[in-house]
Amino acid sequence: MSLGLLWFLFSQGCLLLCIRAQTVEIRFVVEEVNITRMCLEQPLLTVNGMFPGPNITVTRNDTVYVNVLNNGPYPITIHWHGVKQHRNPWSDGPEYITQNPIPANGGSFKYTLVFSDEEGTLWWHAHSDWSRASVHGAIIVLPFPDKKKKRKYPFEPQPDHTQTIILGSWFNNRTLMEDYRDSVIWGGDVEGATSFAINGYPGQLETPCDNDMYKFVVHSGKNYHLRIINAVMEEEMFFAISGHNFTVVGLDGAYLTPIPTNYITITPGQTMDILLTTNQTPRSYYMGGKAFVDSKFGTPMNSTTRAILQYRNYKGTETPVDLGDLLPADSKNASYAKAFTERVRTSGLTGNDDYPITVPTDSEINKNFTITISVNTLPCPYPSNNCTAPQNYNATWTGMHAASLNNQRFVTQNVNILQAYRCNIEDVYTEDFPDRPEEFDYTGATGNNETVPTVGTKVMTVDYGEAVEIVFQGTNVGNAENHPMHIHGYNFYLVGSDDGNFNYSSRETFNLTSPAEANTFGVPKNGWLAVRFWANNPGVWFLHCHLERHASWGMAGVLIVKNTTTDVKQSLLDPPAGYPPCP
């Protein structure tokens, strides 16, 4: 199928067999309920009283209306992570980027989810303050059924059952949101999670409270489609199942050439589709998650969250089979993480006309960005100098934590950027985000480069239809570590990555034949990641690190893909009813 034909189909708002689309309407009620974990009962912000929240199950190319009623005590927005929302940024969800927050204590908003070529596992989560810690859930996008109403996946064996596994964070902290808002004022950090969790249960052997470990019961000899989501706030995760190998078949709503493995590394924001065959001795086995953190500073939480995979009809009482060395003893084991992520990055699904790879070639690229990623600090703005972050990581005097892209610390305004773009409202943002950073030894001795960032609301702009290349360059400024970068509204092709500084000859290593697609992927510590995509989705799209503290410190930006002037189907849809009119 030609690229031109693909573009035509996509510009019509569909891709492959669009006539099969369905329309679904559901209701989300955001509310606090009391939840007991780790022997402690506390109020928790939830959707429909569930933690994690409810699954949304659709078929490719469906449209879903989600009526959100916010009965919680905080303003909130919901983001539909990985749903491209073709021509429909109005419902993308990031706070003050595409909408103002839904007011607390009774506010409401109706989201329209426009699915297109996504297929596999995505997720939804709150996109305001730190409320996504408990407000999140899975989105399951099924392939079209055939004439016999069976769903055919582009991998074998076909799954008999499906199960969602959400890796999350658990905070024994009734004041998490207040702590976050204090950190914004005083420039400090938010205290880390108490534990990781699997499907909402901490699963800590050290604190054996009742009902604290999730149990997944399986039939022997069956094939299970596990849909893994990393909803953890701060950490990339290793995940494994004792006694079992499995096969990774999808990433971020796109299929992969199957990858056999006995563990995965998954960043915050990523989703993976895994095929597990239950072919071991019937008994109980642990599945578990453990942090991968390679930052220069701080001590990572080194505990393991566990759940139980138990074969049906097993009546024994033995302790589940342990994970052994499937999860590394050292949470900073970068080689273990890289060994897996490099396999994923180069394993795009090839040879299947229903899922074509259309990566832009060198000659087609007509828009380039190089973006440095840095953790910075700002001077304390208060006369009392009572900020709570170590300035320049020097504990002798205080400042405010900050983070940046191309040394630009992103801040939002009280008018959302999509509204300002639509209505030509001045003094909300500027279109002068630099295409290139200042030149210095990004991964070496950085000196004072990018130590103190510029603060503002600068956006990137591209024209509809341009072929875009972005090189994310990690730096040694402040606290170097792996950064999972997420772009709203798009999947991108992972064409290259390596340690050190990117240079022109690095393009000679690019993989343009079998790159994986993703919407979130890690930029290696003191290394680089190159991605490419076609700018065929007009709108205002957020771009940010998916480590929550980095995003809240300003490691973010906005990509505006401009409307065409000749074809209404290459321009934004009209805003939904109830969206604020232009002033």
Protein backbone atom coordinates (compact mmCIF):
# COMPACT_ATOMS: atom_id res chain seq x y z
CA MET A 1 0.00 0.00 0.00
CA SER A 2 1.44 3.39 -0.95
CA LEU A 3 2.20 6.09 1.59
CA GLY A 4 -0.04 8.47 -0.35
CA LEU A 5 -2.99 6.13 -0.02
CA LEU A 6 -2.33 5.67 3.69
CA TRP A 7 -2.31 9.43 4.15
CA PHE A 8 -5.59 9.71 2.27
CA LEU A 9 -7.27 7.11 4.44
CA PHE A 10 -5.91 8.66 7.64
CA SER A 11 -6.99 12.15 6.59
CA GLN A 12 -10.53 10.86 6.26
CA GLY A 13 -10.41 9.94 9.94
CA CYS A 14 -10.05 6.20 9.38
CA LEU A 15 -7.53 3.56 8.49
CA LEU A 16 -8.65 0.17 7.16
CA LEU A 17 -12.27 -1.05 7.22
CA CYS A 18 -13.65 2.14 8.71
CA ILE A 19 -17.25 1.10 8.12
CA ARG A 20 -17.02 -1.29 11.07
CA ALA A 21 -16.68 1.49 13.63
CA GLN A 22 -18.98 1.50 16.65
CA THR A 23 -19.98 4.27 19.06
CA VAL A 24 -19.79 3.64 22.81
CA GLU A 25 -20.82 5.87 25.73
CA ILE A 26 -19.60 5.37 29.30
CA ARG A 27 -19.59 7.28 32.60
CA PHE A 28 -16.70 8.08 34.94
CA VAL A 29 -17.39 9.37 38.44
CA VAL A 30 -14.28 10.74 40.16
CA GLU A 31 -14.65 10.40 43.92
CA GLU A 32 -12.75 9.65 47.10
CA VAL A 33 -13.34 6.26 48.71
CA ASN A 34 -11.62 4.58 51.65
CA ILE A 35 -9.10 1.93 50.61
CA THR A 36 -7.06 -0.31 52.94
CA ARG A 37 -3.57 -1.35 51.90
CA MET A 38 -0.46 -2.19 53.97
CA CYS A 39 -2.67 -2.32 57.10
CA LEU A 40 -3.72 1.32 56.67
CA GLU A 41 -7.13 2.67 55.65
CA GLN A 42 -7.06 6.01 53.87
CA PRO A 43 -9.16 8.05 51.43
CA LEU A 44 -8.10 7.57 47.82
CA LEU A 45 -9.16 9.45 44.69
CA THR A 46 -10.71 6.91 42.29
CA VAL A 47 -12.92 6.52 39.24
CA ASN A 48 -16.17 4.66 39.92
CA GLY A 49 -14.78 3.65 43.32
CA MET A 50 -12.14 1.39 41.75
CA PHE A 51 -8.34 1.27 42.13
CA PRO A 52 -7.13 0.85 39.45
CA GLY A 53 -10.05 2.30 37.54
CA PRO A 54 -12.30 0.49 35.04
CA ASN A 55 -11.07 -0.93 31.76
CA ILE A 56 -12.32 0.62 28.53
CA THR A 57 -12.67 -2.08 25.85
CA VAL A 58 -13.23 -1.03 22.23
CA THR A 59 -12.62 -2.22 18.70
CA ARG A 60 -10.22 -0.50 16.35
CA ASN A 61 -11.65 2.70 14.87
CA ASP A 62 -14.47 3.04 17.41
CA THR A 63 -15.59 6.36 18.89
CA VAL A 64 -16.13 6.49 22.64
CA TYR A 65 -17.87 9.21 24.65
CA VAL A 66 -16.77 9.41 28.29
CA ASN A 67 -18.91 11.56 30.58
CA VAL A 68 -16.72 12.55 33.53
CA LEU A 69 -18.35 13.82 36.72
CA ASN A 70 -15.77 15.15 39.18
CA ASN A 71 -17.09 14.65 42.71
CA GLY A 72 -13.54 14.72 44.07
CA PRO A 73 -11.97 17.53 46.12
CA TYR A 74 -9.47 18.56 43.41
CA PRO A 75 -9.86 19.91 39.86
CA ILE A 76 -8.89 17.20 37.39
CA THR A 77 -8.46 16.25 33.73
CA ILE A 78 -8.20 12.82 32.08
CA HIS A 79 -5.72 11.91 29.32
CA TRP A 80 -6.25 8.97 26.99
CA HIS A 81 -2.64 7.85 26.69
CA GLY A 82 -1.81 6.53 23.24
CA VAL A 83 -5.16 7.40 21.64
CA LYS A 84 -4.07 9.60 18.74
CA GLN A 85 -7.32 11.59 18.74
CA HIS A 86 -7.05 12.36 15.03
CA ARG A 87 -7.98 16.04 14.49
CA ASN A 88 -9.49 16.03 18.00
CA PRO A 89 -7.07 17.54 20.54
CA TRP A 90 -10.09 19.00 22.37
CA SER A 91 -10.39 15.69 24.25
CA ASP A 92 -6.71 14.86 24.72
CA GLY A 93 -6.82 16.01 28.35
CA PRO A 94 -3.57 17.54 29.65
CA GLU A 95 -4.31 20.35 32.08
CA TYR A 96 -3.92 23.87 30.62
CA ILE A 97 -2.61 22.40 27.35
CA THR A 98 -5.88 21.36 25.69
CA GLN A 99 -8.43 22.17 28.40
CA ASN A 100 -8.88 23.84 31.74
CA PRO A 101 -9.41 21.47 34.67
CA ILE A 102 -12.82 20.01 35.44
CA PRO A 103 -13.91 21.82 38.61
CA ALA A 104 -13.98 19.88 41.88
CA ASN A 105 -17.13 18.94 43.77
CA GLY A 106 -19.51 18.51 40.86
CA GLY A 107 -17.85 19.72 37.65
CA SER A 108 -18.26 17.68 34.47
CA PHE A 109 -16.80 17.29 30.98
CA LYS A 110 -17.64 15.02 28.06
CA TYR A 111 -14.62 13.53 26.29
CA THR A 112 -14.75 12.13 22.76
CA LEU A 113 -12.19 9.39 22.12
CA VAL A 114 -11.47 9.01 18.40
CA PHE A 115 -9.69 5.72 17.73
CA SER A 116 -8.00 5.08 14.38
CA ASP A 117 -5.18 2.59 13.74
CA GLU A 118 -4.31 1.89 17.38
CA GLU A 119 -4.57 -1.79 18.31
CA GLY A 120 -3.44 -3.50 21.48
CA THR A 121 -3.07 -1.99 24.94
CA LEU A 122 -3.25 1.69 25.87
CA TRP A 123 -4.33 3.38 29.09
CA TRP A 124 -6.04 6.41 30.57
CA HIS A 125 -4.93 8.51 33.53
CA ALA A 126 -5.45 11.83 35.25
CA HIS A 127 -3.29 14.59 33.79
CA SER A 128 -3.39 17.23 36.50
CA ASP A 129 -1.12 17.57 39.52
CA TRP A 130 -0.20 14.11 40.92
CA SER A 131 -3.70 12.66 40.82
CA ARG A 132 -2.74 9.99 38.29
CA ALA A 133 -1.21 8.04 41.21
CA SER A 134 -4.64 6.48 41.75
CA VAL A 135 -6.75 7.73 38.83
CA HIS A 136 -5.83 5.42 35.96
CA GLY A 137 -6.97 2.33 34.08
CA ALA A 138 -6.53 0.25 30.94
CA ILE A 139 -7.74 0.80 27.39
CA ILE A 140 -8.04 -2.42 25.39
CA VAL A 141 -8.29 -1.96 21.62
CA LEU A 142 -9.33 -5.15 19.86
CA PRO A 143 -8.74 -6.04 16.20
CA PHE A 144 -11.69 -6.22 13.82
CA PRO A 145 -13.62 -9.51 13.99
CA ASP A 146 -13.71 -11.66 10.86
CA LYS A 147 -16.85 -12.95 9.15
CA LYS A 148 -17.21 -15.59 11.88
CA LYS A 149 -16.98 -12.88 14.54
CA LYS A 150 -13.58 -14.11 15.68
CA ARG A 151 -10.74 -11.71 16.33
CA LYS A 152 -7.47 -12.54 14.58
CA TYR A 153 -4.21 -11.26 16.03
CA PRO A 154 -1.06 -10.97 13.90
CA PHE A 155 0.84 -13.39 16.14
CA GLU A 156 0.65 -17.05 17.09
CA PRO A 157 -0.59 -18.81 19.05
CA GLN A 158 -3.88 -16.95 19.29
CA PRO A 159 -4.77 -16.05 22.90
CA ASP A 160 -7.44 -17.96 24.80
CA HIS A 161 -7.79 -15.38 27.56
CA THR A 162 -6.70 -11.83 28.36
CA GLN A 163 -5.58 -10.21 31.62
CA THR A 164 -4.58 -6.64 32.48
CA ILE A 165 -1.56 -6.15 34.75
CA ILE A 166 -1.06 -2.56 35.97
CA LEU A 167 2.16 -1.70 37.76
CA GLY A 168 1.50 1.27 40.03
CA SER A 169 2.65 3.26 43.04
CA TRP A 170 1.14 3.11 46.51
CA PHE A 171 1.48 6.05 48.89
CA ASN A 172 0.81 5.65 52.61
CA ASN A 173 0.24 9.39 52.60
CA ARG A 174 -3.13 11.05 53.06
CA THR A 175 -1.70 14.39 51.96
CA LEU A 176 -0.03 13.47 48.63
CA MET A 177 -1.75 16.24 46.66
CA GLU A 178 -1.00 18.83 49.34
CA ASP A 179 2.63 17.68 49.43
CA TYR A 180 2.83 18.10 45.68
CA ARG A 181 1.43 21.64 45.84
CA ASP A 182 3.89 22.53 48.61
CA SER A 183 6.71 21.26 46.41
CA VAL A 184 5.58 23.62 43.64
CA ILE A 185 5.66 26.59 46.01
CA TRP A 186 8.90 25.78 47.80
CA GLY A 187 10.77 24.00 45.02
CA GLY A 188 11.32 20.70 46.81
CA ASP A 189 10.53 17.11 45.92
CA VAL A 190 7.49 14.98 46.72
CA GLU A 191 8.20 12.11 49.09
CA GLY A 192 8.43 8.87 47.15
CA ALA A 193 5.91 6.06 47.12
CA THR A 194 5.73 3.63 50.02
CA SER A 195 5.53 0.64 47.70
CA PHE A 196 4.96 -0.43 44.14
CA ALA A 197 1.73 -2.29 43.40
CA ILE A 198 0.28 -4.81 40.96
CA ASN A 199 -3.36 -4.15 40.10
CA GLY A 200 -3.61 -1.95 43.18
CA TYR A 201 -2.06 -4.37 45.69
CA PRO A 202 1.44 -3.71 47.13
CA GLY A 203 2.32 -7.40 47.48
CA GLN A 204 5.14 -6.76 49.95
CA LEU A 205 6.43 -9.81 51.82
CA GLU A 206 7.84 -7.45 54.47
CA THR A 207 4.35 -6.19 55.43
CA PRO A 208 2.06 -9.20 55.16
CA CYS A 209 -1.32 -7.55 55.63
CA ASP A 210 -4.54 -9.28 54.67
CA ASN A 211 -5.67 -8.81 51.05
CA ASP A 212 -2.41 -7.11 50.05
CA MET A 213 -1.40 -9.40 47.19
CA TYR A 214 -3.19 -9.78 43.85
CA LYS A 215 -3.92 -13.34 42.68
CA PHE A 216 -4.34 -14.31 39.02
CA VAL A 217 -5.82 -17.80 38.50
CA VAL A 218 -5.00 -19.55 35.19
CA HIS A 219 -5.95 -22.76 33.39
CA SER A 220 -3.16 -25.13 32.49
CA GLY A 221 -2.24 -25.36 28.80
CA LYS A 222 -3.79 -22.06 27.74
CA ASN A 223 -2.41 -18.95 26.03
CA TYR A 224 -2.89 -15.71 27.95
CA HIS A 225 -2.67 -12.22 26.47
CA LEU A 226 -1.20 -10.15 29.32
CA ARG A 227 -1.64 -6.41 28.90
CA ILE A 228 1.12 -4.77 30.97
CA ILE A 229 0.86 -1.06 31.88
CA ASN A 230 3.47 0.93 33.81
CA ALA A 231 1.44 3.49 35.76
CA VAL A 232 4.25 3.98 38.31
CA MET A 233 4.87 7.65 39.08
CA GLU A 234 8.66 7.78 39.07
CA GLU A 235 10.40 4.53 38.18
CA GLU A 236 11.00 2.33 35.20
CA MET A 237 10.29 -1.26 36.12
CA PHE A 238 11.63 -4.75 35.57
CA PHE A 239 8.85 -7.37 35.45
CA ALA A 240 9.01 -11.16 35.37
CA ILE A 241 7.01 -14.31 36.19
CA SER A 242 8.80 -17.07 38.06
CA GLY A 243 9.15 -20.35 36.19
CA HIS A 244 7.80 -18.95 32.91
CA ASN A 245 9.12 -17.50 29.69
CA PHE A 246 6.82 -15.35 27.58
CA THR A 247 6.75 -13.44 24.29
CA VAL A 248 6.40 -9.67 23.85
CA VAL A 249 4.13 -9.00 20.84
CA GLY A 250 3.11 -5.35 21.20
CA LEU A 251 4.21 -1.93 22.44
CA ASP A 252 2.05 1.18 22.93
CA GLY A 253 -0.85 0.02 20.76
CA ALA A 254 1.30 -1.29 17.87
CA TYR A 255 2.52 -4.81 17.17
CA LEU A 256 6.10 -6.06 17.28
CA THR A 257 7.96 -8.91 15.69
CA PRO A 258 7.61 -11.38 18.60
CA ILE A 259 10.37 -11.17 21.23
CA PRO A 260 10.85 -14.27 23.43
CA THR A 261 12.16 -13.35 26.89
CA ASN A 262 11.88 -14.07 30.61
CA TYR A 263 11.68 -10.44 31.75
CA ILE A 264 10.82 -6.97 30.47
CA THR A 265 11.92 -3.43 31.22
CA ILE A 266 9.02 -0.98 30.92
CA THR A 267 9.05 2.79 31.47
CA PRO A 268 6.33 4.88 33.12
CA GLY A 269 3.71 5.51 30.45
CA GLN A 270 4.52 2.46 28.34
CA THR A 271 2.25 -0.48 27.65
CA MET A 272 3.26 -3.93 26.42
CA ASP A 273 1.33 -6.90 25.08
CA ILE A 274 2.73 -10.23 26.25
CA LEU A 275 1.78 -13.78 25.28
CA LEU A 276 2.11 -16.28 28.14
CA THR A 277 1.56 -20.04 27.78
CA THR A 278 0.68 -21.76 31.07
CA ASN A 279 2.74 -24.90 30.50
CA GLN A 280 4.48 -25.36 33.83
CA THR A 281 3.81 -27.67 36.77
CA PRO A 282 0.44 -26.66 38.24
CA ARG A 283 1.13 -24.73 41.44
CA SER A 284 1.59 -21.09 42.50
CA TYR A 285 4.24 -18.75 41.08
CA TYR A 286 5.23 -15.21 41.94
CA MET A 287 5.13 -12.50 39.32
CA GLY A 288 6.89 -9.34 40.34
CA GLY A 289 8.06 -5.85 39.56
CA LYS A 290 11.16 -4.01 40.71
CA ALA A 291 12.51 -0.53 39.96
CA PHE A 292 15.20 0.33 37.44
CA VAL A 293 16.68 3.70 38.47
CA ASP A 294 20.04 4.82 37.07
CA SER A 295 20.13 8.41 38.39
CA LYS A 296 23.31 9.84 39.89
CA PHE A 297 21.62 10.92 43.11
CA GLY A 298 19.23 9.29 45.51
CA THR A 299 18.62 5.72 46.62
CA PRO A 300 15.97 3.83 44.64
CA MET A 301 13.26 1.83 46.37
CA ASN A 302 14.80 -1.63 46.18
CA SER A 303 11.77 -3.67 47.19
CA THR A 304 9.82 -6.03 44.94
CA THR A 305 6.07 -5.90 44.47
CA ARG A 306 4.59 -9.37 43.99
CA ALA A 307 1.40 -10.98 42.79
CA ILE A 308 0.51 -14.67 42.58
CA LEU A 309 -0.09 -16.60 39.38
CA GLN A 310 -1.89 -19.75 40.49
CA TYR A 311 -2.94 -22.70 38.37
CA ARG A 312 -6.60 -23.60 38.76
CA ASN A 313 -7.35 -26.70 40.86
CA TYR A 314 -3.95 -26.50 42.57
CA LYS A 315 -4.66 -27.39 46.20
CA GLY A 316 -1.15 -27.26 47.66
CA THR A 317 0.04 -24.89 50.34
CA GLU A 318 3.69 -24.43 49.33
CA THR A 319 5.12 -20.93 49.10
CA PRO A 320 4.88 -19.71 45.49
CA VAL A 321 7.94 -20.32 43.32
CA ASP A 322 10.27 -17.36 43.89
CA LEU A 323 11.50 -14.99 41.19
CA GLY A 324 15.12 -15.89 41.85
CA ASP A 325 17.51 -13.86 39.70
CA LEU A 326 14.92 -12.93 37.04
CA LEU A 327 14.87 -9.45 38.60
CA PRO A 328 18.35 -7.98 39.13
CA ALA A 329 19.58 -7.46 42.68
CA ASP A 330 20.86 -4.01 41.70
CA SER A 331 18.15 -1.51 40.74
CA LYS A 332 20.79 0.48 38.83
CA ASN A 333 21.58 -2.45 36.50
CA ALA A 334 21.59 -0.47 33.25
CA SER A 335 23.02 -3.31 31.13
CA TYR A 336 20.09 -5.56 32.10
CA ALA A 337 17.62 -2.85 31.11
CA LYS A 338 19.41 -1.98 27.85
CA ALA A 339 19.62 -5.61 26.73
CA PHE A 340 15.82 -5.74 26.60
CA THR A 341 15.00 -2.23 25.36
CA GLU A 342 17.36 -2.55 22.39
CA ARG A 343 15.54 -5.72 21.31
CA VAL A 344 12.21 -3.87 21.49
CA ARG A 345 13.45 -0.77 19.68
CA THR A 346 14.53 -2.74 16.59
CA SER A 347 11.61 -5.21 16.43
CA GLY A 348 8.87 -3.41 14.53
CA LEU A 349 6.40 -5.75 12.86
CA THR A 350 7.48 -6.35 9.25
CA GLY A 351 5.97 -8.20 6.30
CA ASN A 352 2.33 -7.53 7.18
CA ASP A 353 0.40 -5.27 4.80
CA ASP A 354 -2.34 -4.73 7.39
CA TYR A 355 0.22 -3.05 9.68
CA PRO A 356 2.65 -1.24 7.35
CA ILE A 357 5.82 0.54 8.42
CA THR A 358 5.90 4.01 6.84
CA VAL A 359 8.95 5.57 8.47
CA PRO A 360 10.11 8.79 6.74
CA THR A 361 13.33 8.36 4.79
CA ASP A 362 16.35 10.64 5.00
CA SER A 363 15.34 12.49 1.83
CA GLU A 364 11.78 13.00 3.08
CA ILE A 365 12.69 14.61 6.41
CA ASN A 366 12.00 18.34 6.21
CA LYS A 367 11.71 19.28 9.90
CA ASN A 368 14.47 18.52 12.42
CA PHE A 369 14.66 19.15 16.15
CA THR A 370 17.49 18.33 18.53
CA ILE A 371 16.28 18.57 22.13
CA THR A 372 18.51 18.36 25.19
CA ILE A 373 17.02 16.95 28.38
CA SER A 374 18.32 18.40 31.64
CA VAL A 375 17.55 18.47 35.35
CA ASN A 376 18.23 22.02 36.54
CA THR A 377 17.77 24.26 39.52
CA LEU A 378 16.49 27.81 39.97
CA PRO A 379 17.52 30.37 42.60
CA CYS A 380 15.13 30.68 45.50
CA PRO A 381 12.80 33.62 44.70
CA TYR A 382 11.90 34.34 48.32
CA PRO A 383 13.76 36.89 50.50
CA SER A 384 13.80 34.39 53.35
CA ASN A 385 15.65 31.91 51.09
CA ASN A 386 13.57 29.11 52.57
CA CYS A 387 13.25 26.94 49.45
CA THR A 388 13.71 23.22 49.98
CA ALA A 389 15.86 21.99 47.05
CA PRO A 390 19.69 21.95 47.03
CA GLN A 391 20.75 24.64 44.54
CA ASN A 392 23.03 23.13 41.88
CA TYR A 393 22.89 19.95 44.00
CA ASN A 394 24.98 21.74 46.61
CA ALA A 395 23.49 21.15 50.03
CA THR A 396 25.05 24.30 51.51
CA TRP A 397 22.42 26.58 49.99
CA THR A 398 18.89 26.16 48.74
CA GLY A 399 17.01 26.75 45.52
CA MET A 400 14.12 25.23 43.56
CA HIS A 401 14.09 22.05 41.52
CA ALA A 402 13.61 22.59 37.79
CA ALA A 403 13.92 20.60 34.57
CA SER A 404 14.02 21.59 30.93
CA LEU A 405 14.09 20.78 27.22
CA ASN A 406 16.71 22.81 25.32
CA ASN A 407 17.19 24.70 28.57
CA GLN A 408 13.56 25.92 28.46
CA ARG A 409 11.60 25.22 31.64
CA PHE A 410 8.00 24.89 30.49
CA VAL A 411 5.24 26.54 32.51
CA THR A 412 1.50 26.62 31.83
CA GLN A 413 -0.77 29.66 31.90
CA ASN A 414 -4.34 30.09 33.13
CA VAL A 415 -5.60 29.93 29.53
CA ASN A 416 -5.04 26.57 27.86
CA ILE A 417 -2.80 26.61 24.80
CA LEU A 418 -5.32 24.96 22.46
CA GLN A 419 -7.84 27.70 23.22
CA ALA A 420 -5.19 30.37 22.70
CA TYR A 421 -4.16 28.78 19.38
CA ARG A 422 -7.74 28.52 18.15
CA CYS A 423 -8.70 32.05 19.21
CA ASN A 424 -5.38 33.84 18.51
CA ILE A 425 -5.15 34.92 22.17
CA GLU A 426 -1.91 36.79 22.77
CA ASP A 427 0.52 36.48 25.69
CA VAL A 428 -0.25 32.82 26.41
CA TYR A 429 2.60 31.20 24.47
CA THR A 430 5.32 32.08 21.98
CA GLU A 431 6.47 30.14 18.90
CA ASP A 432 10.20 30.48 19.55
CA PHE A 433 11.17 27.15 21.08
CA PRO A 434 14.73 26.60 19.79
CA ASP A 435 15.17 23.88 17.17
CA ARG A 436 18.70 23.26 18.47
CA PRO A 437 20.38 23.55 21.88
CA GLU A 438 23.50 25.46 22.66
CA GLU A 439 26.57 23.38 21.80
CA PHE A 440 28.60 21.84 24.63
CA ASP A 441 29.75 18.40 25.71
CA TYR A 442 26.29 17.21 26.68
CA THR A 443 27.32 13.96 28.35
CA GLY A 444 30.73 14.97 29.71
CA ALA A 445 31.88 17.73 32.01
CA THR A 446 29.01 20.13 31.37
CA GLY A 447 30.31 22.99 33.52
CA ASN A 448 27.67 25.69 33.99
CA ASN A 449 25.85 24.92 30.72
CA GLU A 450 22.07 24.65 31.17
CA THR A 451 22.39 24.83 34.97
CA VAL A 452 19.74 27.57 35.25
CA PRO A 453 17.05 27.35 32.55
CA THR A 454 14.95 30.03 30.87
CA VAL A 455 11.36 29.94 32.16
CA GLY A 456 8.48 30.38 29.72
CA THR A 457 5.78 28.86 27.51
CA LYS A 458 7.54 28.31 24.18
CA VAL A 459 6.09 25.92 21.63
CA MET A 460 7.35 24.05 18.57
CA THR A 461 5.43 24.36 15.30
CA VAL A 462 5.36 22.20 12.17
CA ASP A 463 3.17 22.24 9.09
CA TYR A 464 0.70 19.49 8.34
CA GLY A 465 2.27 16.70 6.30
CA GLU A 466 5.89 17.43 7.19
CA ALA A 467 8.23 14.54 7.94
CA VAL A 468 9.64 15.20 11.41
CA GLU A 469 12.80 13.96 13.08
CA ILE A 470 13.45 14.61 16.77
CA VAL A 471 16.73 13.69 18.44
CA PHE A 472 16.37 13.66 22.21
CA GLN A 473 19.82 14.21 23.75
CA GLY A 474 20.33 13.30 27.38
CA THR A 475 22.75 15.48 29.34
CA ASN A 476 24.95 15.19 32.39
CA VAL A 477 23.51 18.42 33.79
CA GLY A 478 22.19 18.10 37.33
CA ASN A 479 20.97 14.57 37.83
CA ALA A 480 21.55 12.45 34.70
CA GLU A 481 19.27 9.45 34.23
CA ASN A 482 17.03 7.67 31.73
CA HIS A 483 14.07 9.84 30.66
CA PRO A 484 10.90 8.24 29.21
CA MET A 485 9.69 10.82 26.68
CA HIS A 486 6.04 10.84 25.62
CA ILE A 487 4.43 12.69 22.69
CA HIS A 488 0.65 13.10 22.69
CA GLY A 489 -1.30 12.62 19.47
CA TYR A 490 1.30 10.42 17.77
CA ASN A 491 3.17 7.19 17.63
CA PHE A 492 6.74 7.65 16.45
CA TYR A 493 9.31 5.31 14.93
CA LEU A 494 12.34 4.50 17.08
CA VAL A 495 15.01 4.84 14.40
CA GLY A 496 18.16 5.13 16.52
CA SER A 497 19.66 5.26 20.00
CA ASP A 498 23.10 5.08 21.59
CA ASP A 499 25.25 6.29 24.45
CA GLY A 500 27.14 9.59 24.32
CA ASN A 501 26.57 12.63 22.11
CA PHE A 502 24.60 12.48 18.88
CA ASN A 503 26.42 13.70 15.77
CA TYR A 504 25.76 13.75 12.06
CA SER A 505 27.41 10.37 11.46
CA SER A 506 25.05 8.81 14.02
CA ARG A 507 22.41 8.69 11.28
CA GLU A 508 24.45 6.02 9.55
CA THR A 509 23.32 3.65 12.32
CA PHE A 510 19.59 4.39 11.88
CA ASN A 511 17.20 1.48 11.42
CA LEU A 512 14.62 2.50 8.79
CA THR A 513 13.44 -1.02 7.92
CA SER A 514 12.14 -2.48 11.19
CA PRO A 515 11.87 0.26 13.84
CA ALA A 516 9.29 -0.25 16.55
CA GLU A 517 6.49 2.26 17.01
CA ALA A 518 5.90 3.86 20.40
CA ASN A 519 4.34 6.88 22.05
CA THR A 520 6.70 6.67 25.06
CA PHE A 521 10.31 5.51 25.11
CA GLY A 522 13.35 5.96 27.30
CA VAL A 523 16.21 8.27 26.33
CA PRO A 524 19.27 6.50 27.78
CA LYS A 525 21.24 8.12 30.59
CA ASN A 526 23.90 10.32 28.95
CA GLY A 527 22.79 9.08 25.55
CA TRP A 528 20.35 9.90 22.74
CA LEU A 529 17.18 8.66 21.07
CA ALA A 530 16.10 9.54 17.51
CA VAL A 531 12.45 9.29 16.44
CA ARG A 532 10.61 10.03 13.21
CA PHE A 533 6.96 10.50 12.29
CA TRP A 534 4.65 12.13 9.75
CA ALA A 535 2.91 15.27 11.04
CA ASN A 536 -0.52 14.10 9.85
CA ASN A 537 -2.52 14.93 12.98
CA PRO A 538 -3.25 18.66 13.31
CA GLY A 539 -3.58 20.09 16.77
CA VAL A 540 -1.86 21.09 19.98
CA TRP A 541 0.05 18.16 21.46
CA PHE A 542 1.91 17.91 24.75
CA LEU A 543 5.44 16.47 24.88
CA HIS A 544 7.01 15.59 28.24
CA CYS A 545 9.05 13.26 30.39
CA HIS A 546 6.80 10.65 32.03
CA LEU A 547 8.70 10.74 35.32
CA GLU A 548 6.14 12.75 37.23
CA ARG A 549 8.53 14.96 39.15
CA HIS A 550 10.40 15.92 35.96
CA ALA A 551 7.20 16.86 34.15
CA SER A 552 6.07 18.95 37.13
CA TRP A 553 9.49 20.65 37.23
CA GLY A 554 9.15 21.74 33.59
CA MET A 555 10.65 18.95 31.43
CA ALA A 556 7.94 19.45 28.85
CA GLY A 557 6.93 21.32 25.72
CA VAL A 558 4.16 21.63 23.15
CA LEU A 559 4.11 20.64 19.48
CA ILE A 560 1.59 22.51 17.33
CA VAL A 561 0.84 20.82 14.00
CA LYS A 562 -0.83 23.53 11.97
CA ASN A 563 -4.00 23.19 9.93
CA THR A 564 -3.79 23.14 6.16
CA THR A 565 -5.57 25.93 4.33
CA THR A 566 -6.77 23.80 1.42
CA ASP A 567 -8.45 20.73 2.92
CA VAL A 568 -10.86 20.85 5.84
CA LYS A 569 -10.15 17.16 6.54
CA GLN A 570 -6.56 18.09 7.33
CA SER A 571 -7.66 20.63 9.94
CA LEU A 572 -9.02 20.46 13.46
CA LEU A 573 -12.51 19.19 14.07
CA ASP A 574 -14.90 21.75 15.51
CA PRO A 575 -14.68 22.05 19.30
CA PRO A 576 -17.28 20.04 21.22
CA ALA A 577 -20.41 21.50 22.73
CA GLY A 578 -19.61 23.22 25.99
CA TYR A 579 -16.04 24.09 25.07
CA PRO A 580 -15.40 27.76 25.96
CA PRO A 581 -16.07 30.13 23.06
CA CYS A 582 -13.44 32.56 21.85
CA PRO A 583 -13.48 35.81 23.83
